[in-house]
């Protein structure tokens, strides 16, 4: 039996930044992001080209993002805590040269 992961944020300030970014997106993009984020609960490291392990990991707001999920022109940076069955969302960014800085 596959145990679902909890998908969440490391703290309120990160969640607020994430949600503020989402507020500026169109409904179609917002729905695509919601579907992909919800799917991380079942498969935190999905197969395919949209998922990538970050080498080196990226520092985000004092946390470390080990993984990236591509959704159109947007990137979700996150980490997975296997011991606690938790996916920790750290940032969402529009793809650019500074996405991984």
PDB file of N, CA and C in Angstrom:
ATOM      1  N   UNK A   1       0.844  -1.181   0.000  1.00  0.00           N
ATOM      2  CA  UNK A   1       0.000   0.000   0.000  1.00  0.00           C
ATOM      3  C   UNK A   1       0.887   1.241   0.000  1.00  0.00           C
ATOM      4  N   UNK A   2       0.613   2.154  -0.894  1.00  0.00           N
ATOM      5  CA  UNK A   2       1.410   3.370  -1.048  1.00  0.00           C
ATOM      6  C   UNK A   2       0.914   4.437  -0.078  1.00  0.00           C
ATOM      7  N   UNK A   3       1.816   4.948   0.744  1.00  0.00           N
ATOM      8  CA  UNK A   3       1.479   5.994   1.694  1.00  0.00           C
ATOM      9  C   UNK A   3       1.644   7.340   1.028  1.00  0.00           C
ATOM     10  N   UNK A   4       0.620   8.176   1.149  1.00  0.00           N
ATOM     11  CA  UNK A   4       0.687   9.518   0.570  1.00  0.00           C
ATOM     12  C   UNK A   4       1.601  10.407   1.407  1.00  0.00           C
ATOM     13  N   UNK A   5       2.266  11.301   0.724  1.00  0.00           N
ATOM     14  CA  UNK A   5       3.096  12.294   1.377  1.00  0.00           C
ATOM     15  C   UNK A   5       2.230  13.509   1.696  1.00  0.00           C
ATOM     16  N   UNK A   6       2.553  14.192   2.761  1.00  0.00           N
ATOM     17  CA  UNK A   6       1.931  15.467   3.063  1.00  0.00           C
ATOM     18  C   UNK A   6       2.663  16.520   2.229  1.00  0.00           C
ATOM     19  N   UNK A   7       1.933  17.398   1.573  1.00  0.00           N
ATOM     20  CA  UNK A   7       2.528  18.475   0.788  1.00  0.00           C
ATOM     21  C   UNK A   7       2.271  19.774   1.527  1.00  0.00           C
ATOM     22  N   UNK A   8       3.346  20.499   1.840  1.00  0.00           N
ATOM     23  CA  UNK A   8       3.171  21.732   2.581  1.00  0.00           C
ATOM     24  C   UNK A   8       4.389  22.632   2.480  1.00  0.00           C
ATOM     25  N   UNK A   9       4.433  23.591   3.377  1.00  0.00           N
ATOM     26  CA  UNK A   9       5.486  24.602   3.388  1.00  0.00           C
ATOM     27  C   UNK A   9       6.256  24.527   4.702  1.00  0.00           C
ATOM     28  N   UNK A  10       7.506  25.004   4.718  1.00  0.00           N
ATOM     29  CA  UNK A  10       8.272  24.970   5.958  1.00  0.00           C
ATOM     30  C   UNK A  10       7.835  26.038   6.960  1.00  0.00           C
ATOM     31  N   UNK A  11       7.120  27.054   6.487  1.00  0.00           N
ATOM     32  CA  UNK A  11       6.678  28.120   7.381  1.00  0.00           C
ATOM     33  C   UNK A  11       5.698  29.050   6.684  1.00  0.00           C
ATOM     34  N   UNK A  12       5.077  29.911   7.476  1.00  0.00           N
ATOM     35  CA  UNK A  12       4.063  30.818   6.949  1.00  0.00           C
ATOM     36  C   UNK A  12       4.614  31.805   5.924  1.00  0.00           C
ATOM     37  N   UNK A  13       5.830  32.314   6.137  1.00  0.00           N
ATOM     38  CA  UNK A  13       6.362  33.315   5.204  1.00  0.00           C
ATOM     39  C   UNK A  13       6.595  32.708   3.821  1.00  0.00           C
ATOM     40  N   UNK A  14       7.056  31.475   3.761  1.00  0.00           N
ATOM     41  CA  UNK A  14       7.265  30.807   2.473  1.00  0.00           C
ATOM     42  C   UNK A  14       5.907  30.547   1.812  1.00  0.00           C
ATOM     43  N   UNK A  15       4.946  30.115   2.593  1.00  0.00           N
ATOM     44  CA  UNK A  15       3.602  29.872   2.056  1.00  0.00           C
ATOM     45  C   UNK A  15       2.986  31.164   1.516  1.00  0.00           C
ATOM     46  N   UNK A  16       3.168  32.259   2.229  1.00  0.00           N
ATOM     47  CA  UNK A  16       2.625  33.539   1.787  1.00  0.00           C
ATOM     48  C   UNK A  16       3.257  33.994   0.475  1.00  0.00           C
ATOM     49  N   UNK A  17       4.568  33.828   0.328  1.00  0.00           N
ATOM     50  CA  UNK A  17       5.256  34.195  -0.917  1.00  0.00           C
ATOM     51  C   UNK A  17       4.766  33.334  -2.078  1.00  0.00           C
ATOM     52  N   UNK A  18       4.606  32.045  -1.823  1.00  0.00           N
ATOM     53  CA  UNK A  18       4.134  31.103  -2.831  1.00  0.00           C
ATOM     54  C   UNK A  18       2.731  31.509  -3.296  1.00  0.00           C
ATOM     55  N   UNK A  19       1.835  31.759  -2.335  1.00  0.00           N
ATOM     56  CA  UNK A  19       0.455  32.118  -2.664  1.00  0.00           C
ATOM     57  C   UNK A  19       0.364  33.479  -3.350  1.00  0.00           C
ATOM     58  N   UNK A  20       1.209  34.406  -2.960  1.00  0.00           N
ATOM     59  CA  UNK A  20       1.231  35.726  -3.597  1.00  0.00           C
ATOM     60  C   UNK A  20       1.605  35.589  -5.077  1.00  0.00           C
ATOM     61  N   UNK A  21       2.557  34.721  -5.364  1.00  0.00           N
ATOM     62  CA  UNK A  21       2.947  34.461  -6.749  1.00  0.00           C
ATOM     63  C   UNK A  21       1.767  33.867  -7.521  1.00  0.00           C
ATOM     64  N   UNK A  22       1.070  32.902  -6.906  1.00  0.00           N
ATOM     65  CA  UNK A  22      -0.055  32.254  -7.569  1.00  0.00           C
ATOM     66  C   UNK A  22      -1.191  33.231  -7.864  1.00  0.00           C
ATOM     67  N   UNK A  23      -1.363  34.232  -7.032  1.00  0.00           N
ATOM     68  CA  UNK A  23      -2.433  35.217  -7.207  1.00  0.00           C
ATOM     69  C   UNK A  23      -2.335  35.959  -8.538  1.00  0.00           C
ATOM     70  N   UNK A  24      -1.141  36.026  -9.110  1.00  0.00           N
ATOM     71  CA  UNK A  24      -0.922  36.775 -10.344  1.00  0.00           C
ATOM     72  C   UNK A  24      -1.005  35.915 -11.608  1.00  0.00           C
ATOM     73  N   UNK A  25      -1.389  34.654 -11.459  1.00  0.00           N
ATOM     74  CA  UNK A  25      -1.434  33.752 -12.613  1.00  0.00           C
ATOM     75  C   UNK A  25      -2.850  33.634 -13.164  1.00  0.00           C
ATOM     76  N   UNK A  26      -2.938  33.288 -14.450  1.00  0.00           N
ATOM     77  CA  UNK A  26      -4.250  33.063 -15.062  1.00  0.00           C
ATOM     78  C   UNK A  26      -4.819  31.728 -14.562  1.00  0.00           C
ATOM     79  N   UNK A  27      -6.111  31.547 -14.733  1.00  0.00           N
ATOM     80  CA  UNK A  27      -6.819  30.375 -14.196  1.00  0.00           C
ATOM     81  C   UNK A  27      -6.282  29.057 -14.759  1.00  0.00           C
ATOM     82  N   UNK A  28      -5.949  29.025 -16.046  1.00  0.00           N
ATOM     83  CA  UNK A  28      -5.461  27.792 -16.668  1.00  0.00           C
ATOM     84  C   UNK A  28      -4.119  27.370 -16.062  1.00  0.00           C
ATOM     85  N   UNK A  29      -3.196  28.308 -15.954  1.00  0.00           N
ATOM     86  CA  UNK A  29      -1.880  28.015 -15.377  1.00  0.00           C
ATOM     87  C   UNK A  29      -2.016  27.620 -13.919  1.00  0.00           C
ATOM     88  N   UNK A  30      -2.865  28.321 -13.195  1.00  0.00           N
ATOM     89  CA  UNK A  30      -3.095  28.014 -11.787  1.00  0.00           C
ATOM     90  C   UNK A  30      -3.606  26.589 -11.621  1.00  0.00           C
ATOM     91  N   UNK A  31      -4.521  26.163 -12.476  1.00  0.00           N
ATOM     92  CA  UNK A  31      -5.058  24.802 -12.412  1.00  0.00           C
ATOM     93  C   UNK A  31      -3.972  23.776 -12.725  1.00  0.00           C
ATOM     94  N   UNK A  32      -3.131  24.046 -13.728  1.00  0.00           N
ATOM     95  CA  UNK A  32      -2.045  23.124 -14.063  1.00  0.00           C
ATOM     96  C   UNK A  32      -1.096  22.954 -12.877  1.00  0.00           C
ATOM     97  N   UNK A  33      -0.769  24.051 -12.221  1.00  0.00           N
ATOM     98  CA  UNK A  33       0.129  23.999 -11.062  1.00  0.00           C
ATOM     99  C   UNK A  33      -0.516  23.224  -9.924  1.00  0.00           C
ATOM    100  N   UNK A  34      -1.793  23.471  -9.670  1.00  0.00           N
ATOM    101  CA  UNK A  34      -2.494  22.779  -8.589  1.00  0.00           C
ATOM    102  C   UNK A  34      -2.497  21.266  -8.813  1.00  0.00           C
ATOM    103  N   UNK A  35      -2.760  20.840 -10.045  1.00  0.00           N
ATOM    104  CA  UNK A  35      -2.784  19.408 -10.361  1.00  0.00           C
ATOM    105  C   UNK A  35      -1.411  18.781 -10.122  1.00  0.00           C
ATOM    106  N   UNK A  36      -0.342  19.445 -10.604  1.00  0.00           N
ATOM    107  CA  UNK A  36       1.017  18.911 -10.447  1.00  0.00           C
ATOM    108  C   UNK A  36       1.442  18.862  -8.979  1.00  0.00           C
ATOM    109  N   UNK A  37       1.115  19.913  -8.223  1.00  0.00           N
ATOM    110  CA  UNK A  37       1.479  19.945  -6.795  1.00  0.00           C
ATOM    111  C   UNK A  37       0.724  18.857  -6.038  1.00  0.00           C
ATOM    112  N   UNK A  38      -0.563  18.692  -6.326  1.00  0.00           N
ATOM    113  CA  UNK A  38      -1.350  17.639  -5.673  1.00  0.00           C
ATOM    114  C   UNK A  38      -0.790  16.253  -5.988  1.00  0.00           C
ATOM    115  N   UNK A  39      -0.284  16.071  -7.207  1.00  0.00           N
ATOM    116  CA  UNK A  39       0.269  14.775  -7.610  1.00  0.00           C
ATOM    117  C   UNK A  39       1.553  14.439  -6.852  1.00  0.00           C
ATOM    118  N   UNK A  40       2.251  15.447  -6.334  1.00  0.00           N
ATOM    119  CA  UNK A  40       3.474  15.181  -5.562  1.00  0.00           C
ATOM    120  C   UNK A  40       3.179  14.373  -4.293  1.00  0.00           C
ATOM    121  N   UNK A  41       1.956  14.416  -3.806  1.00  0.00           N
ATOM    122  CA  UNK A  41       1.591  13.644  -2.616  1.00  0.00           C
ATOM    123  C   UNK A  41       1.691  12.146  -2.889  1.00  0.00           C
ATOM    124  N   UNK A  42       1.418  11.736  -4.119  1.00  0.00           N
ATOM    125  CA  UNK A  42       1.495  10.317  -4.482  1.00  0.00           C
ATOM    126  C   UNK A  42       2.866   9.928  -5.012  1.00  0.00           C
ATOM    127  N   UNK A  43       3.477  10.819  -5.793  1.00  0.00           N
ATOM    128  CA  UNK A  43       4.780  10.536  -6.409  1.00  0.00           C
ATOM    129  C   UNK A  43       5.643  11.784  -6.259  1.00  0.00           C
ATOM    130  N   UNK A  44       6.413  11.874  -5.161  1.00  0.00           N
ATOM    131  CA  UNK A  44       7.210  13.079  -4.926  1.00  0.00           C
ATOM    132  C   UNK A  44       8.380  13.265  -5.896  1.00  0.00           C
ATOM    133  N   UNK A  45       8.759  12.216  -6.577  1.00  0.00           N
ATOM    134  CA  UNK A  45       9.819  12.286  -7.588  1.00  0.00           C
ATOM    135  C   UNK A  45       9.270  11.686  -8.880  1.00  0.00           C
ATOM    136  N   UNK A  46       8.432  12.464  -9.591  1.00  0.00           N
ATOM    137  CA  UNK A  46       7.747  11.916 -10.762  1.00  0.00           C
ATOM    138  C   UNK A  46       8.691  11.600 -11.916  1.00  0.00           C
ATOM    139  N   UNK A  47       8.336  10.598 -12.724  1.00  0.00           N
ATOM    140  CA  UNK A  47       9.152  10.289 -13.899  1.00  0.00           C
ATOM    141  C   UNK A  47       8.940  11.344 -14.975  1.00  0.00           C
ATOM    142  N   UNK A  48       9.877  11.437 -15.882  1.00  0.00           N
ATOM    143  CA  UNK A  48       9.717  12.341 -17.016  1.00  0.00           C
ATOM    144  C   UNK A  48      10.633  13.538 -16.941  1.00  0.00           C
ATOM    145  N   UNK A  49      10.546  14.349 -17.977  1.00  0.00           N
ATOM    146  CA  UNK A  49      11.451  15.481 -18.113  1.00  0.00           C
ATOM    147  C   UNK A  49      11.059  16.673 -17.258  1.00  0.00           C
ATOM    148  N   UNK A  50       9.841  16.708 -16.733  1.00  0.00           N
ATOM    149  CA  UNK A  50       9.422  17.867 -15.939  1.00  0.00           C
ATOM    150  C   UNK A  50      10.075  17.871 -14.558  1.00  0.00           C
ATOM    151  N   UNK A  51      10.562  16.712 -14.111  1.00  0.00           N
ATOM    152  CA  UNK A  51      11.205  16.574 -12.801  1.00  0.00           C
ATOM    153  C   UNK A  51      12.713  16.545 -12.978  1.00  0.00           C
ATOM    154  N   UNK A  52      13.425  17.209 -12.056  1.00  0.00           N
ATOM    155  CA  UNK A  52      14.881  17.167 -12.106  1.00  0.00           C
ATOM    156  C   UNK A  52      15.454  17.288 -10.696  1.00  0.00           C
ATOM    157  N   UNK A  53      16.503  16.506 -10.440  1.00  0.00           N
ATOM    158  CA  UNK A  53      17.291  16.655  -9.217  1.00  0.00           C
ATOM    159  C   UNK A  53      18.233  17.819  -9.462  1.00  0.00           C
ATOM    160  N   UNK A  54      18.289  18.748  -8.532  1.00  0.00           N
ATOM    161  CA  UNK A  54      19.131  19.930  -8.693  1.00  0.00           C
ATOM    162  C   UNK A  54      20.557  19.649  -8.213  1.00  0.00           C
ATOM    163  N   UNK A  55      21.514  19.857  -9.109  1.00  0.00           N
ATOM    164  CA  UNK A  55      22.932  19.695  -8.782  1.00  0.00           C
ATOM    165  C   UNK A  55      23.650  20.987  -9.115  1.00  0.00           C
ATOM    166  N   UNK A  56      24.096  21.742  -8.169  1.00  0.00           N
ATOM    167  CA  UNK A  56      23.953  21.552  -6.730  1.00  0.00           C
ATOM    168  C   UNK A  56      22.562  21.989  -6.277  1.00  0.00           C
ATOM    169  N   UNK A  57      22.170  21.563  -5.062  1.00  0.00           N
ATOM    170  CA  UNK A  57      20.899  22.028  -4.509  1.00  0.00           C
ATOM    171  C   UNK A  57      20.890  23.555  -4.412  1.00  0.00           C
ATOM    172  N   UNK A  58      19.705  24.142  -4.403  1.00  0.00           N
ATOM    173  CA  UNK A  58      19.545  25.592  -4.414  1.00  0.00           C
ATOM    174  C   UNK A  58      19.049  26.076  -3.059  1.00  0.00           C
ATOM    175  N   UNK A  59      19.716  27.089  -2.513  1.00  0.00           N
ATOM    176  CA  UNK A  59      19.275  27.698  -1.255  1.00  0.00           C
ATOM    177  C   UNK A  59      18.091  28.613  -1.548  1.00  0.00           C
ATOM    178  N   UNK A  60      16.999  28.418  -0.786  1.00  0.00           N
ATOM    179  CA  UNK A  60      15.780  29.209  -0.960  1.00  0.00           C
ATOM    180  C   UNK A  60      15.272  29.611   0.419  1.00  0.00           C
ATOM    181  N   UNK A  61      15.326  30.910   0.727  1.00  0.00           N
ATOM    182  CA  UNK A  61      14.808  31.442   1.993  1.00  0.00           C
ATOM    183  C   UNK A  61      15.345  30.693   3.215  1.00  0.00           C
ATOM    184  N   UNK A  62      16.603  30.311   3.183  1.00  0.00           N
ATOM    185  CA  UNK A  62      17.206  29.620   4.316  1.00  0.00           C
ATOM    186  C   UNK A  62      16.982  28.120   4.322  1.00  0.00           C
ATOM    187  N   UNK A  63      16.352  27.588   3.289  1.00  0.00           N
ATOM    188  CA  UNK A  63      16.119  26.149   3.151  1.00  0.00           C
ATOM    189  C   UNK A  63      16.873  25.670   1.919  1.00  0.00           C
ATOM    190  N   UNK A  64      16.878  24.363   1.684  1.00  0.00           N
ATOM    191  CA  UNK A  64      17.586  23.811   0.528  1.00  0.00           C
ATOM    192  C   UNK A  64      16.612  23.048  -0.357  1.00  0.00           C
ATOM    193  N   UNK A  65      16.521  23.471  -1.604  1.00  0.00           N
ATOM    194  CA  UNK A  65      15.682  22.786  -2.590  1.00  0.00           C
ATOM    195  C   UNK A  65      16.534  21.746  -3.309  1.00  0.00           C
ATOM    196  N   UNK A  66      16.124  20.508  -3.218  1.00  0.00           N
ATOM    197  CA  UNK A  66      16.845  19.409  -3.866  1.00  0.00           C
ATOM    198  C   UNK A  66      16.262  19.078  -5.248  1.00  0.00           C
ATOM    199  N   UNK A  67      14.995  19.506  -5.473  1.00  0.00           N
ATOM    200  CA  UNK A  67      14.290  19.093  -6.685  1.00  0.00           C
ATOM    201  C   UNK A  67      13.592  20.266  -7.355  1.00  0.00           C
ATOM    202  N   UNK A  68      13.320  20.073  -8.652  1.00  0.00           N
ATOM    203  CA  UNK A  68      12.611  21.070  -9.442  1.00  0.00           C
ATOM    204  C   UNK A  68      11.532  20.370 -10.245  1.00  0.00           C
ATOM    205  N   UNK A  69      10.359  20.986 -10.301  1.00  0.00           N
ATOM    206  CA  UNK A  69       9.271  20.497 -11.125  1.00  0.00           C
ATOM    207  C   UNK A  69       8.913  21.593 -12.124  1.00  0.00           C
ATOM    208  N   UNK A  70       8.933  21.252 -13.406  1.00  0.00           N
ATOM    209  CA  UNK A  70       8.631  22.220 -14.460  1.00  0.00           C
ATOM    210  C   UNK A  70       7.158  22.143 -14.816  1.00  0.00           C
ATOM    211  N   UNK A  71       6.520  23.316 -14.842  1.00  0.00           N
ATOM    212  CA  UNK A  71       5.128  23.419 -15.273  1.00  0.00           C
ATOM    213  C   UNK A  71       5.063  24.615 -16.218  1.00  0.00           C
ATOM    214  N   UNK A  72       5.129  24.356 -17.499  1.00  0.00           N
ATOM    215  CA  UNK A  72       5.169  25.440 -18.482  1.00  0.00           C
ATOM    216  C   UNK A  72       6.405  26.291 -18.276  1.00  0.00           C
ATOM    217  N   UNK A  73       6.204  27.595 -18.091  1.00  0.00           N
ATOM    218  CA  UNK A  73       7.322  28.509 -17.853  1.00  0.00           C
ATOM    219  C   UNK A  73       7.627  28.692 -16.376  1.00  0.00           C
ATOM    220  N   UNK A  74       7.012  27.900 -15.542  1.00  0.00           N
ATOM    221  CA  UNK A  74       7.182  28.046 -14.096  1.00  0.00           C
ATOM    222  C   UNK A  74       7.934  26.849 -13.528  1.00  0.00           C
ATOM    223  N   UNK A  75       8.667  27.114 -12.461  1.00  0.00           N
ATOM    224  CA  UNK A  75       9.442  26.078 -11.793  1.00  0.00           C
ATOM    225  C   UNK A  75       9.074  26.067 -10.318  1.00  0.00           C
ATOM    226  N   UNK A  76       8.790  24.879  -9.798  1.00  0.00           N
ATOM    227  CA  UNK A  76       8.555  24.726  -8.366  1.00  0.00           C
ATOM    228  C   UNK A  76       9.802  24.088  -7.780  1.00  0.00           C
ATOM    229  N   UNK A  77      10.392  24.759  -6.811  1.00  0.00           N
ATOM    230  CA  UNK A  77      11.573  24.251  -6.120  1.00  0.00           C
ATOM    231  C   UNK A  77      11.104  23.654  -4.810  1.00  0.00           C
ATOM    232  N   UNK A  78      11.534  22.424  -4.532  1.00  0.00           N
ATOM    233  CA  UNK A  78      11.040  21.743  -3.336  1.00  0.00           C
ATOM    234  C   UNK A  78      12.036  20.719  -2.824  1.00  0.00           C
ATOM    235  N   UNK A  79      11.710  20.165  -1.663  1.00  0.00           N
ATOM    236  CA  UNK A  79      12.523  19.114  -1.055  1.00  0.00           C
ATOM    237  C   UNK A  79      11.586  18.003  -0.613  1.00  0.00           C
ATOM    238  N   UNK A  80      12.129  16.820  -0.397  1.00  0.00           N
ATOM    239  CA  UNK A  80      11.343  15.678   0.060  1.00  0.00           C
ATOM    240  C   UNK A  80      11.961  15.152   1.349  1.00  0.00           C
ATOM    241  N   UNK A  81      11.135  15.034   2.373  1.00  0.00           N
ATOM    242  CA  UNK A  81      11.542  14.446   3.652  1.00  0.00           C
ATOM    243  C   UNK A  81      10.926  13.062   3.707  1.00  0.00           C
ATOM    244  N   UNK A  82      11.702  12.051   3.258  1.00  0.00           N
ATOM    245  CA  UNK A  82      11.190  10.688   3.196  1.00  0.00           C
ATOM    246  C   UNK A  82      10.856  10.128   4.569  1.00  0.00           C
ATOM    247  N   UNK A  83      11.652  10.456   5.564  1.00  0.00           N
ATOM    248  CA  UNK A  83      11.440   9.922   6.909  1.00  0.00           C
ATOM    249  C   UNK A  83      10.078  10.327   7.472  1.00  0.00           C
ATOM    250  N   UNK A  84       9.653  11.566   7.181  1.00  0.00           N
ATOM    251  CA  UNK A  84       8.378  12.068   7.692  1.00  0.00           C
ATOM    252  C   UNK A  84       7.277  12.088   6.637  1.00  0.00           C
ATOM    253  N   UNK A  85       7.561  11.494   5.460  1.00  0.00           N
ATOM    254  CA  UNK A  85       6.584  11.442   4.372  1.00  0.00           C
ATOM    255  C   UNK A  85       6.019  12.831   4.084  1.00  0.00           C
ATOM    256  N   UNK A  86       6.928  13.754   3.750  1.00  0.00           N
ATOM    257  CA  UNK A  86       6.533  15.154   3.552  1.00  0.00           C
ATOM    258  C   UNK A  86       7.253  15.748   2.343  1.00  0.00           C
ATOM    259  N   UNK A  87       6.505  16.441   1.497  1.00  0.00           N
ATOM    260  CA  UNK A  87       7.046  17.235   0.392  1.00  0.00           C
ATOM    261  C   UNK A  87       6.984  18.678   0.852  1.00  0.00           C
ATOM    262  N   UNK A  88       8.135  19.343   0.844  1.00  0.00           N
ATOM    263  CA  UNK A  88       8.226  20.713   1.342  1.00  0.00           C
ATOM    264  C   UNK A  88       8.391  21.655   0.150  1.00  0.00           C
ATOM    265  N   UNK A  89       7.346  22.429  -0.123  1.00  0.00           N
ATOM    266  CA  UNK A  89       7.390  23.403  -1.214  1.00  0.00           C
ATOM    267  C   UNK A  89       8.152  24.627  -0.741  1.00  0.00           C
ATOM    268  N   UNK A  90       9.121  25.072  -1.533  1.00  0.00           N
ATOM    269  CA  UNK A  90       9.967  26.187  -1.113  1.00  0.00           C
ATOM    270  C   UNK A  90       9.788  27.445  -1.955  1.00  0.00           C
ATOM    271  N   UNK A  91       9.553  27.297  -3.238  1.00  0.00           N
ATOM    272  CA  UNK A  91       9.384  28.483  -4.084  1.00  0.00           C
ATOM    273  C   UNK A  91       8.760  28.097  -5.402  1.00  0.00           C
ATOM    274  N   UNK A  92       8.120  29.065  -6.001  1.00  0.00           N
ATOM    275  CA  UNK A  92       7.668  28.936  -7.389  1.00  0.00           C
ATOM    276  C   UNK A  92       8.206  30.158  -8.101  1.00  0.00           C
ATOM    277  N   UNK A  93       8.796  29.925  -9.264  1.00  0.00           N
ATOM    278  CA  UNK A  93       9.441  31.010 -10.003  1.00  0.00           C
ATOM    279  C   UNK A  93       9.190  30.842 -11.489  1.00  0.00           C
ATOM    280  N   UNK A  94       9.133  31.959 -12.163  1.00  0.00           N
ATOM    281  CA  UNK A  94       9.068  31.940 -13.618  1.00  0.00           C
ATOM    282  C   UNK A  94      10.469  31.612 -14.125  1.00  0.00           C
ATOM    283  N   UNK A  95      10.556  30.795 -15.158  1.00  0.00           N
ATOM    284  CA  UNK A  95      11.852  30.395 -15.690  1.00  0.00           C
ATOM    285  C   UNK A  95      12.599  31.618 -16.215  1.00  0.00           C
ATOM    286  N   UNK A  96      13.835  31.764 -15.758  1.00  0.00           N
ATOM    287  CA  UNK A  96      14.728  32.824 -16.227  1.00  0.00           C
ATOM    288  C   UNK A  96      16.151  32.452 -15.841  1.00  0.00           C
ATOM    289  N   UNK A  97      17.083  33.312 -16.158  1.00  0.00           N
ATOM    290  CA  UNK A  97      18.473  33.048 -15.794  1.00  0.00           C
ATOM    291  C   UNK A  97      18.669  33.041 -14.282  1.00  0.00           C
ATOM    292  N   UNK A  98      17.807  33.718 -13.550  1.00  0.00           N
ATOM    293  CA  UNK A  98      17.962  33.790 -12.085  1.00  0.00           C
ATOM    294  C   UNK A  98      17.069  32.812 -11.328  1.00  0.00           C
ATOM    295  N   UNK A  99      16.419  31.897 -12.011  1.00  0.00           N
ATOM    296  CA  UNK A  99      15.505  30.955 -11.357  1.00  0.00           C
ATOM    297  C   UNK A  99      16.195  30.156 -10.261  1.00  0.00           C
ATOM    298  N   UNK A 100      17.422  29.734 -10.500  1.00  0.00           N
ATOM    299  CA  UNK A 100      18.087  28.842  -9.563  1.00  0.00           C
ATOM    300  C   UNK A 100      19.139  29.559  -8.714  1.00  0.00           C
ATOM    301  N   UNK A 101      19.044  30.857  -8.594  1.00  0.00           N
ATOM    302  CA  UNK A 101      19.986  31.612  -7.765  1.00  0.00           C
ATOM    303  C   UNK A 101      19.426  31.819  -6.391  1.00  0.00           C
TER     304      UNK A 101
END
